[in-house]
Protein backbone atom coordinates (compact mmCIF):
# COMPACT_ATOMS: atom_id res chain seq x y z
CA MET A 1 -31.68 -2.71 37.84
CA ARG A 2 -34.69 -1.74 35.83
CA ARG A 3 -35.21 -2.95 32.27
CA ARG A 4 -35.01 0.57 30.81
CA THR A 5 -31.67 1.22 32.54
CA LYS A 6 -30.28 -2.06 31.19
CA ILE A 7 -31.33 -1.11 27.66
CA LEU A 8 -29.71 2.33 28.00
CA ILE A 9 -26.45 0.70 29.08
CA VAL A 10 -26.40 -2.31 26.75
CA THR A 11 -27.51 -0.58 23.52
CA PRO A 12 -24.51 1.80 23.23
CA LEU A 13 -22.13 -1.04 24.08
CA VAL A 14 -23.61 -3.25 21.34
CA LEU A 15 -23.44 -0.38 18.84
CA LEU A 16 -19.83 0.29 19.81
CA LEU A 17 -18.93 -3.38 19.32
CA LEU A 18 -20.68 -3.45 15.93
CA ALA A 19 -18.88 -0.29 14.81
CA GLY A 20 -15.53 -1.67 15.96
CA GLY A 21 -16.18 -4.96 14.21
CA GLY A 22 -17.20 -3.12 11.04
CA LEU A 23 -14.02 -1.02 11.10
CA ALA A 24 -11.84 -4.09 11.72
CA GLY A 25 -13.58 -5.87 8.85
CA THR A 26 -12.94 -2.87 6.61
CA TRP A 27 -9.22 -2.99 7.49
CA VAL A 28 -9.00 -6.69 6.68
CA TRP A 29 -10.87 -6.21 3.40
CA ALA A 30 -8.77 -3.17 2.41
CA ALA A 31 -5.45 -4.90 3.16
CA GLY A 32 -6.53 -7.93 1.15
CA ALA A 33 -7.71 -5.75 -1.74
CA VAL A 34 -4.34 -3.94 -1.84
CA GLU A 35 -2.37 -7.19 -1.77
CA ASP A 36 -4.58 -8.84 -4.42
CA GLY A 37 -4.56 -5.81 -6.71
CA TYR A 38 -0.81 -5.40 -6.46
CA GLU A 39 -0.18 -9.11 -7.06
CA THR A 40 -2.44 -9.04 -10.15
CA TRP A 41 -0.58 -6.02 -11.51
CA ARG A 42 2.79 -7.65 -10.83
CA ALA A 43 1.72 -10.91 -12.51
CA GLU A 44 0.63 -8.94 -15.59
CA ARG A 45 4.03 -7.19 -15.71
CA ARG A 46 5.86 -10.51 -15.29
CA ALA A 47 3.91 -11.86 -18.25
CA GLU A 48 5.30 -8.89 -20.22
CA GLY A 49 8.86 -9.81 -19.19
CA TYR A 50 9.49 -7.61 -16.17
CA SER A 51 11.22 -9.02 -13.09
CA PHE A 52 10.95 -7.88 -9.48
CA GLN A 53 13.14 -8.22 -6.40
CA ASN A 54 12.28 -7.12 -2.84
CA ALA A 55 8.80 -6.34 -4.11
CA GLU A 56 6.65 -8.11 -1.52
CA PRO A 57 4.51 -5.46 0.18
CA ASP A 58 4.10 -5.10 3.92
CA VAL A 59 0.48 -3.98 4.24
CA ASP A 60 -1.11 -2.52 7.34
CA CYS A 61 -4.25 -0.56 8.10
CA PHE A 62 -4.88 1.64 11.09
CA PRO A 63 -7.03 3.45 11.95
CA THR A 64 -8.29 4.95 8.67
CA THR A 65 -5.29 4.52 6.38
CA VAL A 66 -4.18 1.57 4.29
CA ARG A 67 -0.39 1.55 3.91
CA ALA A 68 1.86 -0.67 1.80
CA ARG A 69 5.68 -0.66 2.02
CA LEU A 70 8.17 -2.09 -0.44
CA ARG A 71 11.61 -2.52 1.06
CA GLU A 72 14.21 -1.41 -1.49
CA PRO A 73 12.46 -2.77 -4.59
CA VAL A 74 14.25 -3.55 -7.84
CA VAL A 75 12.48 -3.67 -11.21
CA ALA A 76 14.09 -4.87 -14.44
CA SER A 77 12.38 -4.41 -17.78
CA PRO A 78 12.43 -6.65 -20.85
CA GLN A 79 13.91 -3.64 -22.72
CA GLY A 80 17.01 -3.83 -20.50
CA TRP A 81 16.63 -0.99 -18.01
CA ARG A 82 16.77 -1.65 -14.26
CA TRP A 83 15.58 0.57 -11.40
CA ALA A 84 16.48 0.10 -7.73
CA GLY A 85 14.88 2.28 -5.11
CA PRO A 86 14.73 3.02 -1.40
CA ILE A 87 11.78 2.06 0.77
CA VAL A 88 8.65 3.02 -1.15
CA VAL A 89 5.43 3.67 0.78
CA GLY A 90 1.99 3.98 -0.74
CA GLN A 91 -0.97 4.92 1.38
CA ALA A 92 -4.64 5.66 0.88
CA ASP A 93 -7.37 6.73 3.25
CA ILE A 94 -10.21 4.25 3.61
CA LEU A 95 -12.66 7.04 2.77
CA SER A 96 -10.69 7.91 -0.42
CA PRO A 97 -9.27 4.55 -1.53
CA PHE A 98 -8.67 5.51 -5.16
CA THR A 99 -6.10 8.20 -4.35
CA VAL A 100 -2.75 6.70 -3.37
CA ARG A 101 -0.02 8.95 -1.99
CA ILE A 102 3.48 7.62 -2.62
CA THR A 103 6.73 8.56 -0.88
CA ALA A 104 10.19 7.28 -1.71
CA PRO A 105 12.92 9.51 -0.30
CA GLY A 106 16.44 8.14 -0.63
CA THR A 107 18.70 6.85 -3.38
CA HIS A 108 17.24 5.79 -6.72
CA THR A 109 19.48 4.14 -9.31
CA LEU A 110 18.63 3.50 -12.92
CA ARG A 111 20.67 1.43 -15.32
CA THR A 112 19.55 2.34 -18.81
CA ASP A 113 19.13 -0.16 -21.61
CA ASP A 114 22.45 1.04 -23.08
CA GLY A 115 24.29 0.38 -19.78
CA ARG A 116 24.55 3.91 -18.36
CA GLN A 117 24.14 4.20 -14.59
CA LEU A 118 22.14 7.14 -13.24
CA ARG A 119 21.72 7.97 -9.57
CA ALA A 120 19.37 10.38 -7.81
CA ASP A 121 19.49 11.11 -4.10
CA ALA A 122 16.10 12.49 -3.14
CA GLU A 123 15.63 14.18 0.20
CA THR A 124 11.92 14.05 -0.51
CA ALA A 125 10.20 12.12 -3.26
CA HIS A 126 6.45 11.93 -3.39
CA GLY A 127 3.63 11.55 -5.83
CA ARG A 128 0.00 10.71 -6.16
CA VAL A 129 -1.69 7.97 -8.17
CA LEU A 130 -5.36 8.22 -9.04
CA LEU A 131 -6.90 4.80 -9.65
């Protein structure tokens, strides 16, 4: 095989491997950034007196979306209210990481600080957070 033919075959393969490695590195970085940012936020809220249950995120990235799931989280405030929700999913595109789309269809319950219990069954529940 001639040298020029080898270069024409090897060069695209090397570029493909570099691109794949770069994308995989971006996924690892993005997942770590989501976990670190969320944990920092949660630590700040704990310092203010909030408590959390079922609030450990499952984070995944593929192929261009970072997704975090909370499985039936519960948040209690120092003021006395308590919210319990269904599975909550937040996701952002790697190319637009500061826009997080949130979905949380299902049953939401809120116990107010005066002890009232409110319940909302949402067939769809979605929002958007701009960071």
